């Protein structure tokens, strides 16, 4: 029963994330193979993945701030692969 609840919650979270991602100017997505939702002991590798993804996104973030045209949610900046790296 707990597993069914966890899966339903995860499905709702994924749907919300996809909705929010469509309106983002820049999406930073740290990618880490072999992770599980209950891996609390190896948090340092997830922090490092997030840090590396954020650093990879810095040029796109700087471009967004240096852009003279104000951004809105109808014209998101597309940066393919920003923040994705192999673990």
PDB file of N, CA and C in Angstrom:
ATOM      1  N   UNK A   1       0.822  -1.189   0.000  1.00  0.00           N
ATOM      2  CA  UNK A   1       0.000   0.000   0.000  1.00  0.00           C
ATOM      3  C   UNK A   1       0.872   1.261   0.000  1.00  0.00           C
ATOM      4  N   UNK A   2       1.939   1.246   0.755  1.00  0.00           N
ATOM      5  CA  UNK A   2       2.835   2.395   0.811  1.00  0.00           C
ATOM      6  C   UNK A   2       3.498   2.639  -0.539  1.00  0.00           C
ATOM      7  N   UNK A   3       3.851   1.578  -1.237  1.00  0.00           N
ATOM      8  CA  UNK A   3       4.466   1.713  -2.557  1.00  0.00           C
ATOM      9  C   UNK A   3       3.499   2.328  -3.565  1.00  0.00           C
ATOM     10  N   UNK A   4       2.242   1.973  -3.492  1.00  0.00           N
ATOM     11  CA  UNK A   4       1.224   2.557  -4.386  1.00  0.00           C
ATOM     12  C   UNK A   4       1.091   4.051  -4.110  1.00  0.00           C
ATOM     13  N   UNK A   5       1.056   4.419  -2.841  1.00  0.00           N
ATOM     14  CA  UNK A   5       0.979   5.835  -2.484  1.00  0.00           C
ATOM     15  C   UNK A   5       2.207   6.588  -2.983  1.00  0.00           C
ATOM     16  N   UNK A   6       3.390   6.003  -2.813  1.00  0.00           N
ATOM     17  CA  UNK A   6       4.636   6.648  -3.254  1.00  0.00           C
ATOM     18  C   UNK A   6       4.626   6.854  -4.757  1.00  0.00           C
ATOM     19  N   UNK A   7       4.171   5.851  -5.503  1.00  0.00           N
ATOM     20  CA  UNK A   7       4.119   5.981  -6.972  1.00  0.00           C
ATOM     21  C   UNK A   7       3.116   7.036  -7.410  1.00  0.00           C
ATOM     22  N   UNK A   8       1.969   7.115  -6.759  1.00  0.00           N
ATOM     23  CA  UNK A   8       0.971   8.131  -7.094  1.00  0.00           C
ATOM     24  C   UNK A   8       1.523   9.527  -6.813  1.00  0.00           C
ATOM     25  N   UNK A   9       2.207   9.684  -5.698  1.00  0.00           N
ATOM     26  CA  UNK A   9       2.806  10.971  -5.361  1.00  0.00           C
ATOM     27  C   UNK A   9       3.885  11.345  -6.370  1.00  0.00           C
ATOM     28  N   UNK A  10       4.706  10.384  -6.759  1.00  0.00           N
ATOM     29  CA  UNK A  10       5.761  10.641  -7.733  1.00  0.00           C
ATOM     30  C   UNK A  10       5.165  11.052  -9.087  1.00  0.00           C
ATOM     31  N   UNK A  11       4.084  10.419  -9.482  1.00  0.00           N
ATOM     32  CA  UNK A  11       3.429  10.767 -10.749  1.00  0.00           C
ATOM     33  C   UNK A  11       2.930  12.215 -10.710  1.00  0.00           C
ATOM     34  N   UNK A  12       2.328  12.612  -9.602  1.00  0.00           N
ATOM     35  CA  UNK A  12       1.845  13.988  -9.466  1.00  0.00           C
ATOM     36  C   UNK A  12       3.005  14.976  -9.497  1.00  0.00           C
ATOM     37  N   UNK A  13       4.114  14.625  -8.854  1.00  0.00           N
ATOM     38  CA  UNK A  13       5.282  15.505  -8.845  1.00  0.00           C
ATOM     39  C   UNK A  13       5.856  15.661 -10.248  1.00  0.00           C
ATOM     40  N   UNK A  14       5.914  14.582 -11.002  1.00  0.00           N
ATOM     41  CA  UNK A  14       6.452  14.638 -12.366  1.00  0.00           C
ATOM     42  C   UNK A  14       5.563  15.514 -13.245  1.00  0.00           C
ATOM     43  N   UNK A  15       4.266  15.370 -13.121  1.00  0.00           N
ATOM     44  CA  UNK A  15       3.353  16.205 -13.914  1.00  0.00           C
ATOM     45  C   UNK A  15       3.510  17.679 -13.571  1.00  0.00           C
ATOM     46  N   UNK A  16       3.634  17.998 -12.292  1.00  0.00           N
ATOM     47  CA  UNK A  16       3.831  19.391 -11.879  1.00  0.00           C
ATOM     48  C   UNK A  16       5.166  19.921 -12.397  1.00  0.00           C
ATOM     49  N   UNK A  17       6.211  19.101 -12.314  1.00  0.00           N
ATOM     50  CA  UNK A  17       7.524  19.511 -12.790  1.00  0.00           C
ATOM     51  C   UNK A  17       7.495  19.795 -14.297  1.00  0.00           C
ATOM     52  N   UNK A  18       6.844  18.934 -15.066  1.00  0.00           N
ATOM     53  CA  UNK A  18       6.758  19.143 -16.514  1.00  0.00           C
ATOM     54  C   UNK A  18       6.005  20.429 -16.836  1.00  0.00           C
ATOM     55  N   UNK A  19       4.951  20.714 -16.110  1.00  0.00           N
ATOM     56  CA  UNK A  19       4.186  21.950 -16.334  1.00  0.00           C
ATOM     57  C   UNK A  19       5.049  23.172 -16.048  1.00  0.00           C
ATOM     58  N   UNK A  20       5.743  23.164 -14.938  1.00  0.00           N
ATOM     59  CA  UNK A  20       6.595  24.291 -14.575  1.00  0.00           C
ATOM     60  C   UNK A  20       7.782  24.431 -15.526  1.00  0.00           C
ATOM     61  N   UNK A  21       8.328  23.334 -15.990  1.00  0.00           N
ATOM     62  CA  UNK A  21       9.485  23.364 -16.892  1.00  0.00           C
ATOM     63  C   UNK A  21       9.130  24.012 -18.227  1.00  0.00           C
ATOM     64  N   UNK A  22       7.902  23.842 -18.687  1.00  0.00           N
ATOM     65  CA  UNK A  22       7.491  24.445 -19.963  1.00  0.00           C
ATOM     66  C   UNK A  22       7.521  25.968 -19.909  1.00  0.00           C
ATOM     67  N   UNK A  23       7.356  26.552 -18.725  1.00  0.00           N
ATOM     68  CA  UNK A  23       7.345  28.011 -18.628  1.00  0.00           C
ATOM     69  C   UNK A  23       8.676  28.584 -18.142  1.00  0.00           C
ATOM     70  N   UNK A  24       9.681  27.744 -17.961  1.00  0.00           N
ATOM     71  CA  UNK A  24      10.971  28.215 -17.456  1.00  0.00           C
ATOM     72  C   UNK A  24      11.797  28.851 -18.566  1.00  0.00           C
ATOM     73  N   UNK A  25      12.549  29.877 -18.227  1.00  0.00           N
ATOM     74  CA  UNK A  25      13.480  30.476 -19.175  1.00  0.00           C
ATOM     75  C   UNK A  25      14.691  29.559 -19.362  1.00  0.00           C
ATOM     76  N   UNK A  26      15.167  28.987 -18.282  1.00  0.00           N
ATOM     77  CA  UNK A  26      16.298  28.049 -18.316  1.00  0.00           C
ATOM     78  C   UNK A  26      15.966  26.911 -17.369  1.00  0.00           C
ATOM     79  N   UNK A  27      16.206  25.695 -17.821  1.00  0.00           N
ATOM     80  CA  UNK A  27      15.956  24.520 -17.003  1.00  0.00           C
ATOM     81  C   UNK A  27      17.288  23.856 -16.679  1.00  0.00           C
ATOM     82  N   UNK A  28      17.593  23.769 -15.411  1.00  0.00           N
ATOM     83  CA  UNK A  28      18.818  23.099 -14.961  1.00  0.00           C
ATOM     84  C   UNK A  28      18.406  21.727 -14.457  1.00  0.00           C
ATOM     85  N   UNK A  29      18.937  20.719 -15.108  1.00  0.00           N
ATOM     86  CA  UNK A  29      18.532  19.353 -14.780  1.00  0.00           C
ATOM     87  C   UNK A  29      19.753  18.499 -14.484  1.00  0.00           C
ATOM     88  N   UNK A  30      20.121  18.368 -13.209  1.00  0.00           N
ATOM     89  CA  UNK A  30      21.226  17.471 -12.890  1.00  0.00           C
ATOM     90  C   UNK A  30      20.801  16.039 -13.175  1.00  0.00           C
ATOM     91  N   UNK A  31      21.667  15.306 -13.800  1.00  0.00           N
ATOM     92  CA  UNK A  31      21.346  13.938 -14.186  1.00  0.00           C
ATOM     93  C   UNK A  31      22.339  13.011 -13.509  1.00  0.00           C
ATOM     94  N   UNK A  32      21.806  12.019 -12.835  1.00  0.00           N
ATOM     95  CA  UNK A  32      22.681  11.088 -12.135  1.00  0.00           C
ATOM     96  C   UNK A  32      22.137   9.677 -12.314  1.00  0.00           C
ATOM     97  N   UNK A  33      22.881   8.831 -12.987  1.00  0.00           N
ATOM     98  CA  UNK A  33      22.472   7.438 -13.208  1.00  0.00           C
ATOM     99  C   UNK A  33      22.609   6.636 -11.917  1.00  0.00           C
ATOM    100  N   UNK A  34      21.765   5.677 -11.775  1.00  0.00           N
ATOM    101  CA  UNK A  34      21.879   4.763 -10.648  1.00  0.00           C
ATOM    102  C   UNK A  34      21.403   5.305  -9.322  1.00  0.00           C
ATOM    103  N   UNK A  35      20.608   6.352  -9.332  1.00  0.00           N
ATOM    104  CA  UNK A  35      20.126   6.908  -8.070  1.00  0.00           C
ATOM    105  C   UNK A  35      18.749   6.331  -7.738  1.00  0.00           C
ATOM    106  N   UNK A  36      18.432   6.319  -6.474  1.00  0.00           N
ATOM    107  CA  UNK A  36      17.119   5.882  -6.003  1.00  0.00           C
ATOM    108  C   UNK A  36      16.557   6.953  -5.078  1.00  0.00           C
ATOM    109  N   UNK A  37      15.266   6.966  -4.927  1.00  0.00           N
ATOM    110  CA  UNK A  37      14.621   7.990  -4.107  1.00  0.00           C
ATOM    111  C   UNK A  37      14.965   7.834  -2.630  1.00  0.00           C
ATOM    112  N   UNK A  38      15.409   6.670  -2.222  1.00  0.00           N
ATOM    113  CA  UNK A  38      15.694   6.427  -0.811  1.00  0.00           C
ATOM    114  C   UNK A  38      17.191   6.416  -0.492  1.00  0.00           C
ATOM    115  N   UNK A  39      18.010   6.911  -1.398  1.00  0.00           N
ATOM    116  CA  UNK A  39      19.457   6.950  -1.177  1.00  0.00           C
ATOM    117  C   UNK A  39      19.828   8.225  -0.430  1.00  0.00           C
ATOM    118  N   UNK A  40      19.816   8.146   0.890  1.00  0.00           N
ATOM    119  CA  UNK A  40      20.122   9.305   1.725  1.00  0.00           C
ATOM    120  C   UNK A  40      21.580   9.328   2.167  1.00  0.00           C
ATOM    121  N   UNK A  41      22.288   8.243   1.952  1.00  0.00           N
ATOM    122  CA  UNK A  41      23.669   8.149   2.425  1.00  0.00           C
ATOM    123  C   UNK A  41      24.683   8.765   1.465  1.00  0.00           C
ATOM    124  N   UNK A  42      24.355   8.828   0.187  1.00  0.00           N
ATOM    125  CA  UNK A  42      25.294   9.314  -0.826  1.00  0.00           C
ATOM    126  C   UNK A  42      24.930  10.704  -1.315  1.00  0.00           C
ATOM    127  N   UNK A  43      24.476  11.537  -0.398  1.00  0.00           N
ATOM    128  CA  UNK A  43      24.002  12.867  -0.766  1.00  0.00           C
ATOM    129  C   UNK A  43      25.083  13.719  -1.414  1.00  0.00           C
ATOM    130  N   UNK A  44      26.352  13.478  -1.097  1.00  0.00           N
ATOM    131  CA  UNK A  44      27.431  14.312  -1.637  1.00  0.00           C
ATOM    132  C   UNK A  44      27.503  14.218  -3.160  1.00  0.00           C
ATOM    133  N   UNK A  45      27.261  13.037  -3.733  1.00  0.00           N
ATOM    134  CA  UNK A  45      27.323  12.933  -5.194  1.00  0.00           C
ATOM    135  C   UNK A  45      26.159  13.657  -5.858  1.00  0.00           C
ATOM    136  N   UNK A  46      25.011  13.734  -5.172  1.00  0.00           N
ATOM    137  CA  UNK A  46      23.881  14.474  -5.735  1.00  0.00           C
ATOM    138  C   UNK A  46      24.115  15.987  -5.644  1.00  0.00           C
ATOM    139  N   UNK A  47      24.723  16.422  -4.570  1.00  0.00           N
ATOM    140  CA  UNK A  47      25.082  17.835  -4.448  1.00  0.00           C
ATOM    141  C   UNK A  47      26.075  18.207  -5.538  1.00  0.00           C
ATOM    142  N   UNK A  48      27.066  17.355  -5.772  1.00  0.00           N
ATOM    143  CA  UNK A  48      28.058  17.619  -6.818  1.00  0.00           C
ATOM    144  C   UNK A  48      27.410  17.642  -8.203  1.00  0.00           C
ATOM    145  N   UNK A  49      26.463  16.742  -8.459  1.00  0.00           N
ATOM    146  CA  UNK A  49      25.759  16.751  -9.743  1.00  0.00           C
ATOM    147  C   UNK A  49      24.987  18.051  -9.935  1.00  0.00           C
ATOM    148  N   UNK A  50      24.336  18.518  -8.883  1.00  0.00           N
ATOM    149  CA  UNK A  50      23.615  19.787  -8.950  1.00  0.00           C
ATOM    150  C   UNK A  50      24.542  20.962  -9.163  1.00  0.00           C
ATOM    151  N   UNK A  51      25.678  20.944  -8.475  1.00  0.00           N
ATOM    152  CA  UNK A  51      26.657  22.016  -8.631  1.00  0.00           C
ATOM    153  C   UNK A  51      27.199  22.057 -10.061  1.00  0.00           C
ATOM    154  N   UNK A  52      27.542  20.889 -10.603  1.00  0.00           N
ATOM    155  CA  UNK A  52      28.068  20.831 -11.973  1.00  0.00           C
ATOM    156  C   UNK A  52      27.013  21.281 -12.983  1.00  0.00           C
ATOM    157  N   UNK A  53      25.765  20.905 -12.772  1.00  0.00           N
ATOM    158  CA  UNK A  53      24.690  21.323 -13.680  1.00  0.00           C
ATOM    159  C   UNK A  53      24.482  22.831 -13.619  1.00  0.00           C
ATOM    160  N   UNK A  54      24.540  23.402 -12.426  1.00  0.00           N
ATOM    161  CA  UNK A  54      24.386  24.850 -12.279  1.00  0.00           C
ATOM    162  C   UNK A  54      25.547  25.594 -12.934  1.00  0.00           C
ATOM    163  N   UNK A  55      26.764  25.089 -12.760  1.00  0.00           N
ATOM    164  CA  UNK A  55      27.917  25.727 -13.391  1.00  0.00           C
ATOM    165  C   UNK A  55      27.836  25.636 -14.909  1.00  0.00           C
ATOM    166  N   UNK A  56      27.343  24.520 -15.427  1.00  0.00           N
ATOM    167  CA  UNK A  56      27.189  24.384 -16.878  1.00  0.00           C
ATOM    168  C   UNK A  56      26.137  25.345 -17.419  1.00  0.00           C
ATOM    169  N   UNK A  57      25.167  25.707 -16.594  1.00  0.00           N
ATOM    170  CA  UNK A  57      24.093  26.608 -17.016  1.00  0.00           C
ATOM    171  C   UNK A  57      24.464  28.079 -16.880  1.00  0.00           C
ATOM    172  N   UNK A  58      25.568  28.401 -16.232  1.00  0.00           N
ATOM    173  CA  UNK A  58      25.935  29.805 -16.019  1.00  0.00           C
ATOM    174  C   UNK A  58      26.005  30.639 -17.300  1.00  0.00           C
ATOM    175  N   UNK A  59      26.593  30.152 -18.399  1.00  0.00           N
ATOM    176  CA  UNK A  59      26.583  30.972 -19.627  1.00  0.00           C
ATOM    177  C   UNK A  59      25.165  31.311 -20.098  1.00  0.00           C
ATOM    178  N   UNK A  60      24.258  30.361 -20.023  1.00  0.00           N
ATOM    179  CA  UNK A  60      22.874  30.628 -20.441  1.00  0.00           C
ATOM    180  C   UNK A  60      22.204  31.613 -19.498  1.00  0.00           C
ATOM    181  N   UNK A  61      22.505  31.516 -18.215  1.00  0.00           N
ATOM    182  CA  UNK A  61      21.931  32.445 -17.242  1.00  0.00           C
ATOM    183  C   UNK A  61      22.472  33.857 -17.482  1.00  0.00           C
ATOM    184  N   UNK A  62      23.771  33.946 -17.731  1.00  0.00           N
ATOM    185  CA  UNK A  62      24.356  35.263 -18.019  1.00  0.00           C
ATOM    186  C   UNK A  62      23.772  35.857 -19.296  1.00  0.00           C
ATOM    187  N   UNK A  63      23.575  35.020 -20.322  1.00  0.00           N
ATOM    188  CA  UNK A  63      22.957  35.496 -21.565  1.00  0.00           C
ATOM    189  C   UNK A  63      21.553  36.015 -21.305  1.00  0.00           C
ATOM    190  N   UNK A  64      20.830  35.343 -20.453  1.00  0.00           N
ATOM    191  CA  UNK A  64      19.460  35.749 -20.132  1.00  0.00           C
ATOM    192  C   UNK A  64      19.450  37.134 -19.483  1.00  0.00           C
ATOM    193  N   UNK A  65      20.393  37.376 -18.562  1.00  0.00           N
ATOM    194  CA  UNK A  65      20.456  38.669 -17.892  1.00  0.00           C
ATOM    195  C   UNK A  65      21.013  39.772 -18.788  1.00  0.00           C
ATOM    196  N   UNK A  66      21.858  39.416 -19.730  1.00  0.00           N
ATOM    197  CA  UNK A  66      22.429  40.435 -20.601  1.00  0.00           C
ATOM    198  C   UNK A  66      21.530  40.749 -21.789  1.00  0.00           C
ATOM    199  N   UNK A  67      20.505  39.963 -21.998  1.00  0.00           N
ATOM    200  CA  UNK A  67      19.561  40.189 -23.086  1.00  0.00           C
ATOM    201  C   UNK A  67      18.812  41.498 -22.839  1.00  0.00           C
ATOM    202  N   UNK A  68      18.814  42.393 -23.819  1.00  0.00           N
ATOM    203  CA  UNK A  68      18.168  43.694 -23.637  1.00  0.00           C
ATOM    204  C   UNK A  68      16.652  43.609 -23.734  1.00  0.00           C
ATOM    205  N   UNK A  69      16.112  42.549 -24.341  1.00  0.00           N
ATOM    206  CA  UNK A  69      14.673  42.374 -24.459  1.00  0.00           C
ATOM    207  C   UNK A  69      14.155  41.657 -23.222  1.00  0.00           C
ATOM    208  N   UNK A  70      13.165  42.227 -22.540  1.00  0.00           N
ATOM    209  CA  UNK A  70      12.623  41.552 -21.355  1.00  0.00           C
ATOM    210  C   UNK A  70      12.030  40.198 -21.736  1.00  0.00           C
ATOM    211  N   UNK A  71      12.266  39.217 -20.882  1.00  0.00           N
ATOM    212  CA  UNK A  71      11.746  37.876 -21.128  1.00  0.00           C
ATOM    213  C   UNK A  71      10.356  37.755 -20.511  1.00  0.00           C
ATOM    214  N   UNK A  72       9.543  36.920 -21.122  1.00  0.00           N
ATOM    215  CA  UNK A  72       8.273  36.555 -20.507  1.00  0.00           C
ATOM    216  C   UNK A  72       8.059  35.068 -20.719  1.00  0.00           C
ATOM    217  N   UNK A  73       7.018  34.536 -20.139  1.00  0.00           N
ATOM    218  CA  UNK A  73       6.809  33.098 -20.201  1.00  0.00           C
ATOM    219  C   UNK A  73       6.368  32.607 -21.573  1.00  0.00           C
ATOM    220  N   UNK A  74       5.970  33.496 -22.468  1.00  0.00           N
ATOM    221  CA  UNK A  74       5.589  33.070 -23.806  1.00  0.00           C
ATOM    222  C   UNK A  74       6.783  32.868 -24.725  1.00  0.00           C
ATOM    223  N   UNK A  75       7.937  33.436 -24.371  1.00  0.00           N
ATOM    224  CA  UNK A  75       9.117  33.292 -25.217  1.00  0.00           C
ATOM    225  C   UNK A  75      10.297  32.772 -24.400  1.00  0.00           C
ATOM    226  N   UNK A  76      10.236  31.493 -23.996  1.00  0.00           N
ATOM    227  CA  UNK A  76      11.333  30.960 -23.192  1.00  0.00           C
ATOM    228  C   UNK A  76      12.604  30.792 -24.008  1.00  0.00           C
ATOM    229  N   UNK A  77      13.734  30.914 -23.349  1.00  0.00           N
ATOM    230  CA  UNK A  77      15.025  30.676 -23.977  1.00  0.00           C
ATOM    231  C   UNK A  77      15.254  29.179 -24.017  1.00  0.00           C
ATOM    232  N   UNK A  78      15.606  28.657 -25.172  1.00  0.00           N
ATOM    233  CA  UNK A  78      15.845  27.230 -25.315  1.00  0.00           C
ATOM    234  C   UNK A  78      17.335  26.957 -25.309  1.00  0.00           C
ATOM    235  N   UNK A  79      17.789  26.166 -24.372  1.00  0.00           N
ATOM    236  CA  UNK A  79      19.186  25.748 -24.299  1.00  0.00           C
ATOM    237  C   UNK A  79      19.193  24.239 -24.152  1.00  0.00           C
ATOM    238  N   UNK A  80      19.399  23.529 -25.241  1.00  0.00           N
ATOM    239  CA  UNK A  80      19.354  22.076 -25.178  1.00  0.00           C
ATOM    240  C   UNK A  80      20.540  21.531 -24.419  1.00  0.00           C
ATOM    241  N   UNK A  81      20.264  20.593 -23.546  1.00  0.00           N
ATOM    242  CA  UNK A  81      21.311  19.895 -22.819  1.00  0.00           C
ATOM    243  C   UNK A  81      21.948  20.677 -21.690  1.00  0.00           C
ATOM    244  N   UNK A  82      21.444  21.837 -21.352  1.00  0.00           N
ATOM    245  CA  UNK A  82      22.053  22.616 -20.277  1.00  0.00           C
ATOM    246  C   UNK A  82      21.956  21.817 -18.983  1.00  0.00           C
ATOM    247  N   UNK A  83      23.100  21.638 -18.347  1.00  0.00           N
ATOM    248  CA  UNK A  83      23.123  20.991 -17.067  1.00  0.00           C
ATOM    249  C   UNK A  83      23.113  19.480 -17.092  1.00  0.00           C
ATOM    250  N   UNK A  84      23.106  18.870 -18.244  1.00  0.00           N
ATOM    251  CA  UNK A  84      23.102  17.409 -18.296  1.00  0.00           C
ATOM    252  C   UNK A  84      24.522  16.903 -18.494  1.00  0.00           C
ATOM    253  N   UNK A  85      24.877  15.954 -17.708  1.00  0.00           N
ATOM    254  CA  UNK A  85      26.194  15.342 -17.846  1.00  0.00           C
ATOM    255  C   UNK A  85      26.128  13.905 -17.365  1.00  0.00           C
ATOM    256  N   UNK A  86      27.017  13.107 -17.855  1.00  0.00           N
ATOM    257  CA  UNK A  86      27.066  11.705 -17.450  1.00  0.00           C
ATOM    258  C   UNK A  86      27.713  11.593 -16.079  1.00  0.00           C
ATOM    259  N   UNK A  87      27.223  10.670 -15.315  1.00  0.00           N
ATOM    260  CA  UNK A  87      27.769  10.475 -13.961  1.00  0.00           C
ATOM    261  C   UNK A  87      28.989   9.581 -14.004  1.00  0.00           C
TER     262      UNK A  87
END
